[in-house]
Amino acid sequence: MCIFCKIVNGEIPSNMVLESEEFIAFHDINPTAPIHVLVIPKEHIDSFHQAKGDLMAKMTPFIQDVATKLGLDKSGYRLVTNIGVDGGQEVKHLHFHILGGGKLIWKHFIKNDPHKNI
């Protein structure tokens, strides 16, 4: 069982932001922004690539509600999901990062010319 499934089952505590019948949102334990929250489906799905459209149709308003609750709906935020090893996915359970609370930059582009990899 993955770490996010253990959070869903209550086996591991989390700093919960919002919960519905199908999704939960909680603060990341290793934040990379002033506000860094993870949104996951309670059902185990490996990644976005395996997600069905009906799940995403339900998840979208939940993510928007989380962003509003965090006060990010007016100032802006970044929504990210990583897919697979090369995409940087560390936990094999679909999750979205909501990042905000300040001006965000793409740190990985500081060292590299983004046009070299296109």
N, C-alpha and C. Protein backbone atom coordinates (compact mmCIF):
# COMPACT_ATOMS: atom_id res chain seq x y z
N MET A 1 0.85 -1.18 0.00
CA MET A 1 0.00 0.00 0.00
C MET A 1 0.91 1.25 0.00
N CYS A 2 0.58 2.22 -0.83
CA CYS A 2 1.41 3.43 -0.94
C CYS A 2 1.14 4.37 0.23
N ILE A 3 2.03 5.32 0.41
CA ILE A 3 1.93 6.27 1.52
C ILE A 3 0.64 7.10 1.45
N PHE A 4 0.18 7.45 0.24
CA PHE A 4 -1.05 8.24 0.13
C PHE A 4 -2.27 7.40 0.47
N CYS A 5 -2.26 6.13 0.14
CA CYS A 5 -3.36 5.25 0.53
C CYS A 5 -3.40 5.11 2.05
N LYS A 6 -2.23 5.10 2.69
CA LYS A 6 -2.18 5.04 4.16
C LYS A 6 -2.74 6.33 4.77
N ILE A 7 -2.51 7.46 4.11
CA ILE A 7 -3.11 8.73 4.58
C ILE A 7 -4.62 8.67 4.43
N VAL A 8 -5.09 8.18 3.28
CA VAL A 8 -6.54 8.05 3.05
C VAL A 8 -7.17 7.15 4.12
N ASN A 9 -6.48 6.06 4.48
CA ASN A 9 -7.01 5.10 5.46
C ASN A 9 -6.83 5.55 6.90
N GLY A 10 -6.19 6.70 7.12
CA GLY A 10 -5.99 7.20 8.46
C GLY A 10 -4.84 6.55 9.20
N GLU A 11 -4.01 5.78 8.50
CA GLU A 11 -2.87 5.12 9.12
C GLU A 11 -1.70 6.08 9.35
N ILE A 12 -1.64 7.13 8.54
CA ILE A 12 -0.61 8.16 8.66
C ILE A 12 -1.34 9.50 8.79
N PRO A 13 -0.97 10.30 9.80
CA PRO A 13 -1.64 11.59 9.95
C PRO A 13 -1.23 12.58 8.85
N SER A 14 -2.10 13.53 8.59
CA SER A 14 -1.78 14.58 7.61
C SER A 14 -2.39 15.88 8.10
N ASN A 15 -1.86 16.97 7.61
CA ASN A 15 -2.39 18.29 7.92
C ASN A 15 -3.44 18.61 6.85
N MET A 16 -4.65 18.15 7.09
CA MET A 16 -5.74 18.21 6.12
C MET A 16 -6.20 19.64 5.87
N VAL A 17 -6.47 19.93 4.59
CA VAL A 17 -7.02 21.22 4.19
C VAL A 17 -8.50 21.06 3.87
N LEU A 18 -8.84 20.01 3.12
CA LEU A 18 -10.21 19.80 2.69
C LEU A 18 -10.39 18.33 2.35
N GLU A 19 -11.60 17.82 2.60
CA GLU A 19 -11.90 16.43 2.29
C GLU A 19 -13.31 16.34 1.73
N SER A 20 -13.48 15.46 0.75
CA SER A 20 -14.80 15.14 0.21
C SER A 20 -14.92 13.62 0.22
N GLU A 21 -16.01 13.14 -0.32
CA GLU A 21 -16.21 11.70 -0.40
C GLU A 21 -15.14 11.03 -1.26
N GLU A 22 -14.64 11.75 -2.29
CA GLU A 22 -13.72 11.13 -3.24
C GLU A 22 -12.28 11.64 -3.20
N PHE A 23 -12.04 12.81 -2.56
CA PHE A 23 -10.72 13.44 -2.61
C PHE A 23 -10.31 13.98 -1.26
N ILE A 24 -8.99 14.13 -1.09
CA ILE A 24 -8.48 14.84 0.08
C ILE A 24 -7.36 15.78 -0.37
N ALA A 25 -7.21 16.84 0.40
CA ALA A 25 -6.13 17.81 0.18
C ALA A 25 -5.43 18.01 1.51
N PHE A 26 -4.10 17.98 1.48
CA PHE A 26 -3.33 18.14 2.71
C PHE A 26 -2.00 18.83 2.40
N HIS A 27 -1.42 19.45 3.41
CA HIS A 27 -0.15 20.15 3.25
C HIS A 27 0.98 19.16 3.00
N ASP A 28 1.84 19.50 2.05
CA ASP A 28 3.01 18.69 1.75
C ASP A 28 3.98 18.77 2.92
N ILE A 29 4.58 17.64 3.31
CA ILE A 29 5.52 17.65 4.44
C ILE A 29 6.89 18.22 4.05
N ASN A 30 7.12 18.38 2.75
CA ASN A 30 8.38 18.95 2.27
C ASN A 30 8.06 20.06 1.27
N PRO A 31 7.51 21.19 1.75
CA PRO A 31 7.03 22.22 0.82
C PRO A 31 8.14 22.90 0.03
N THR A 32 7.79 23.24 -1.22
CA THR A 32 8.72 23.97 -2.09
C THR A 32 8.20 25.36 -2.42
N ALA A 33 7.13 25.76 -1.76
CA ALA A 33 6.54 27.09 -1.92
C ALA A 33 5.93 27.48 -0.58
N PRO A 34 5.64 28.77 -0.36
CA PRO A 34 5.02 29.17 0.90
C PRO A 34 3.73 28.39 1.20
N ILE A 35 2.96 28.11 0.17
CA ILE A 35 1.80 27.22 0.30
C ILE A 35 2.03 26.07 -0.67
N HIS A 36 2.01 24.85 -0.14
CA HIS A 36 2.23 23.66 -0.97
C HIS A 36 1.31 22.57 -0.44
N VAL A 37 0.25 22.32 -1.19
CA VAL A 37 -0.77 21.36 -0.80
C VAL A 37 -0.87 20.29 -1.87
N LEU A 38 -1.10 19.06 -1.45
CA LEU A 38 -1.31 17.94 -2.36
C LEU A 38 -2.79 17.61 -2.39
N VAL A 39 -3.29 17.31 -3.58
CA VAL A 39 -4.67 16.87 -3.75
C VAL A 39 -4.63 15.49 -4.38
N ILE A 40 -5.30 14.53 -3.74
CA ILE A 40 -5.30 13.15 -4.24
C ILE A 40 -6.71 12.59 -4.26
N PRO A 41 -6.94 11.64 -5.17
CA PRO A 41 -8.19 10.89 -5.08
C PRO A 41 -8.04 9.84 -3.98
N LYS A 42 -9.11 9.51 -3.31
CA LYS A 42 -9.06 8.46 -2.30
C LYS A 42 -8.83 7.10 -2.93
N GLU A 43 -9.33 6.93 -4.13
CA GLU A 43 -9.10 5.69 -4.89
C GLU A 43 -7.67 5.70 -5.40
N HIS A 44 -6.98 4.58 -5.30
CA HIS A 44 -5.61 4.51 -5.80
C HIS A 44 -5.61 4.46 -7.33
N ILE A 45 -4.97 5.45 -7.92
CA ILE A 45 -4.74 5.52 -9.36
C ILE A 45 -3.27 5.88 -9.49
N ASP A 46 -2.53 5.14 -10.29
CA ASP A 46 -1.07 5.32 -10.35
C ASP A 46 -0.64 6.73 -10.73
N SER A 47 -1.23 7.28 -11.78
CA SER A 47 -0.82 8.60 -12.24
C SER A 47 -1.91 9.22 -13.11
N PHE A 48 -1.68 10.45 -13.52
CA PHE A 48 -2.61 11.15 -14.40
C PHE A 48 -2.85 10.36 -15.68
N HIS A 49 -1.84 9.67 -16.15
CA HIS A 49 -1.95 8.92 -17.41
C HIS A 49 -3.02 7.82 -17.32
N GLN A 50 -3.30 7.32 -16.13
CA GLN A 50 -4.32 6.29 -15.94
C GLN A 50 -5.67 6.88 -15.53
N ALA A 51 -5.73 8.17 -15.28
CA ALA A 51 -6.97 8.80 -14.80
C ALA A 51 -8.01 8.87 -15.90
N LYS A 52 -9.23 8.60 -15.55
CA LYS A 52 -10.36 8.69 -16.47
C LYS A 52 -10.94 10.10 -16.46
N GLY A 53 -11.58 10.46 -17.54
CA GLY A 53 -12.15 11.80 -17.68
C GLY A 53 -13.18 12.13 -16.62
N ASP A 54 -13.99 11.15 -16.23
CA ASP A 54 -15.02 11.44 -15.23
C ASP A 54 -14.41 11.74 -13.87
N LEU A 55 -13.29 11.10 -13.55
CA LEU A 55 -12.60 11.42 -12.31
C LEU A 55 -12.07 12.86 -12.34
N MET A 56 -11.46 13.24 -13.45
CA MET A 56 -10.90 14.58 -13.57
C MET A 56 -12.02 15.63 -13.57
N ALA A 57 -13.19 15.29 -14.13
CA ALA A 57 -14.31 16.22 -14.11
C ALA A 57 -14.76 16.50 -12.68
N LYS A 58 -14.65 15.52 -11.80
CA LYS A 58 -15.00 15.71 -10.39
C LYS A 58 -13.86 16.36 -9.62
N MET A 59 -12.63 16.04 -10.00
CA MET A 59 -11.47 16.54 -9.26
C MET A 59 -11.23 18.03 -9.51
N THR A 60 -11.56 18.49 -10.71
CA THR A 60 -11.33 19.90 -11.05
C THR A 60 -12.02 20.86 -10.08
N PRO A 61 -13.32 20.75 -9.82
CA PRO A 61 -13.94 21.69 -8.88
C PRO A 61 -13.42 21.52 -7.45
N PHE A 62 -13.00 20.30 -7.08
CA PHE A 62 -12.43 20.10 -5.76
C PHE A 62 -11.12 20.88 -5.63
N ILE A 63 -10.26 20.79 -6.64
CA ILE A 63 -9.00 21.53 -6.63
C ILE A 63 -9.29 23.03 -6.58
N GLN A 64 -10.25 23.49 -7.33
CA GLN A 64 -10.61 24.91 -7.31
C GLN A 64 -11.09 25.34 -5.92
N ASP A 65 -11.87 24.49 -5.26
CA ASP A 65 -12.34 24.78 -3.90
C ASP A 65 -11.16 24.87 -2.92
N VAL A 66 -10.19 23.98 -3.08
CA VAL A 66 -9.00 24.01 -2.22
C VAL A 66 -8.25 25.32 -2.43
N ALA A 67 -8.04 25.69 -3.68
CA ALA A 67 -7.32 26.94 -3.98
C ALA A 67 -8.05 28.14 -3.39
N THR A 68 -9.37 28.15 -3.47
CA THR A 68 -10.16 29.24 -2.90
C THR A 68 -10.03 29.25 -1.38
N LYS A 69 -10.13 28.08 -0.76
CA LYS A 69 -10.00 27.99 0.70
C LYS A 69 -8.64 28.49 1.16
N LEU A 70 -7.60 28.26 0.36
CA LEU A 70 -6.25 28.71 0.70
C LEU A 70 -6.03 30.19 0.37
N GLY A 71 -7.01 30.82 -0.28
CA GLY A 71 -6.90 32.22 -0.66
C GLY A 71 -6.04 32.45 -1.89
N LEU A 72 -5.87 31.43 -2.70
CA LEU A 72 -5.02 31.52 -3.89
C LEU A 72 -5.79 31.86 -5.16
N ASP A 73 -7.10 31.85 -5.09
CA ASP A 73 -7.92 32.07 -6.28
C ASP A 73 -7.74 33.47 -6.85
N LYS A 74 -7.41 34.43 -6.02
CA LYS A 74 -7.23 35.81 -6.51
C LYS A 74 -5.78 36.10 -6.93
N SER A 75 -4.83 35.62 -6.15
CA SER A 75 -3.41 35.93 -6.41
C SER A 75 -2.78 35.01 -7.44
N GLY A 76 -3.30 33.81 -7.56
CA GLY A 76 -2.77 32.84 -8.52
C GLY A 76 -2.00 31.72 -7.85
N TYR A 77 -1.85 30.66 -8.59
CA TYR A 77 -1.16 29.47 -8.09
C TYR A 77 -0.72 28.62 -9.26
N ARG A 78 0.12 27.67 -8.95
CA ARG A 78 0.58 26.70 -9.96
C ARG A 78 -0.01 25.35 -9.59
N LEU A 79 -0.49 24.62 -10.59
CA LEU A 79 -1.02 23.28 -10.42
C LEU A 79 -0.15 22.34 -11.23
N VAL A 80 0.43 21.34 -10.55
CA VAL A 80 1.40 20.45 -11.20
C VAL A 80 1.09 19.01 -10.85
N THR A 81 1.23 18.13 -11.83
CA THR A 81 1.26 16.70 -11.56
C THR A 81 2.43 16.12 -12.33
N ASN A 82 3.16 15.24 -11.68
CA ASN A 82 4.29 14.57 -12.31
C ASN A 82 3.87 13.16 -12.68
N ILE A 83 4.33 12.69 -13.83
CA ILE A 83 3.92 11.40 -14.34
C ILE A 83 5.14 10.56 -14.64
N GLY A 84 5.27 9.45 -13.94
CA GLY A 84 6.37 8.51 -14.18
C GLY A 84 7.72 9.00 -13.68
N VAL A 85 8.68 8.12 -13.78
CA VAL A 85 10.03 8.39 -13.29
C VAL A 85 10.65 9.60 -13.96
N ASP A 86 10.61 9.66 -15.28
CA ASP A 86 11.22 10.79 -15.99
C ASP A 86 10.47 12.09 -15.75
N GLY A 87 9.20 12.00 -15.39
CA GLY A 87 8.42 13.20 -15.08
C GLY A 87 8.60 13.68 -13.64
N GLY A 88 9.35 12.92 -12.85
CA GLY A 88 9.62 13.32 -11.47
C GLY A 88 8.61 12.82 -10.45
N GLN A 89 7.78 11.85 -10.82
CA GLN A 89 6.78 11.34 -9.88
C GLN A 89 7.47 10.49 -8.81
N GLU A 90 7.32 10.91 -7.55
CA GLU A 90 7.97 10.20 -6.45
C GLU A 90 7.04 9.21 -5.76
N VAL A 91 5.74 9.49 -5.73
CA VAL A 91 4.76 8.59 -5.14
C VAL A 91 3.84 8.13 -6.26
N LYS A 92 3.74 6.83 -6.43
CA LYS A 92 2.94 6.28 -7.52
C LYS A 92 1.46 6.23 -7.11
N HIS A 93 0.88 7.42 -6.97
CA HIS A 93 -0.54 7.62 -6.67
C HIS A 93 -0.84 9.00 -7.24
N LEU A 94 -1.83 9.10 -8.09
CA LEU A 94 -2.18 10.37 -8.70
C LEU A 94 -2.26 11.47 -7.64
N HIS A 95 -1.53 12.54 -7.86
CA HIS A 95 -1.60 13.69 -6.97
C HIS A 95 -1.24 14.96 -7.72
N PHE A 96 -1.89 16.02 -7.31
CA PHE A 96 -1.62 17.34 -7.86
C PHE A 96 -1.02 18.20 -6.76
N HIS A 97 -0.02 18.97 -7.11
CA HIS A 97 0.59 19.93 -6.21
C HIS A 97 -0.07 21.29 -6.48
N ILE A 98 -0.59 21.92 -5.45
CA ILE A 98 -1.04 23.30 -5.54
C ILE A 98 0.04 24.13 -4.86
N LEU A 99 0.67 25.00 -5.63
CA LEU A 99 1.78 25.82 -5.14
C LEU A 99 1.40 27.27 -5.24
N GLY A 100 1.63 28.03 -4.18
CA GLY A 100 1.30 29.45 -4.21
C GLY A 100 1.82 30.16 -3.00
N GLY A 101 1.25 31.32 -2.76
CA GLY A 101 1.64 32.11 -1.61
C GLY A 101 2.77 33.07 -1.88
N GLY A 102 3.13 33.25 -3.12
CA GLY A 102 4.20 34.16 -3.52
C GLY A 102 4.50 33.99 -4.99
N LYS A 103 5.34 34.85 -5.52
CA LYS A 103 5.73 34.78 -6.93
C LYS A 103 6.55 33.51 -7.15
N LEU A 104 6.10 32.66 -8.05
CA LEU A 104 6.77 31.39 -8.30
C LEU A 104 7.64 31.51 -9.55
N ILE A 105 8.80 30.88 -9.49
CA ILE A 105 9.70 30.83 -10.65
C ILE A 105 9.94 29.37 -11.01
N TRP A 106 10.40 29.16 -12.21
CA TRP A 106 10.79 27.82 -12.65
C TRP A 106 12.28 27.65 -12.37
N LYS A 107 12.62 27.13 -11.21
CA LYS A 107 14.02 27.01 -10.79
C LYS A 107 14.85 26.18 -11.75
N HIS A 108 14.27 25.15 -12.32
CA HIS A 108 15.06 24.29 -13.21
C HIS A 108 15.45 25.01 -14.50
N PHE A 109 14.82 26.13 -14.81
CA PHE A 109 15.19 26.88 -16.01
C PHE A 109 16.29 27.91 -15.73
N ILE A 110 16.59 28.16 -14.48
CA ILE A 110 17.63 29.12 -14.15
C ILE A 110 18.99 28.62 -14.64
N LYS A 111 19.26 27.33 -14.46
CA LYS A 111 20.55 26.75 -14.83
C LYS A 111 20.61 26.36 -16.31
N ASN A 112 19.48 26.09 -16.89
CA ASN A 112 19.42 25.57 -18.25
C ASN A 112 18.63 26.50 -19.17
N ASP A 113 19.04 26.52 -20.39
CA ASP A 113 18.29 27.25 -21.42
C ASP A 113 17.09 26.38 -21.76
N PRO A 114 15.86 26.83 -21.51
CA PRO A 114 14.70 25.99 -21.76
C PRO A 114 14.53 25.64 -23.23
N HIS A 115 15.13 26.40 -24.11
CA HIS A 115 14.96 26.14 -25.55
C HIS A 115 15.89 25.03 -26.05
N LYS A 116 16.89 24.66 -25.29
CA LYS A 116 17.82 23.59 -25.68
C LYS A 116 17.14 22.23 -25.68
N ASN A 117 16.14 22.06 -24.83
CA ASN A 117 15.50 20.76 -24.67
C ASN A 117 14.22 20.62 -25.48
N ILE A 118 13.91 21.61 -26.27
CA ILE A 118 12.64 21.55 -27.04
C ILE A 118 12.87 20.79 -28.33
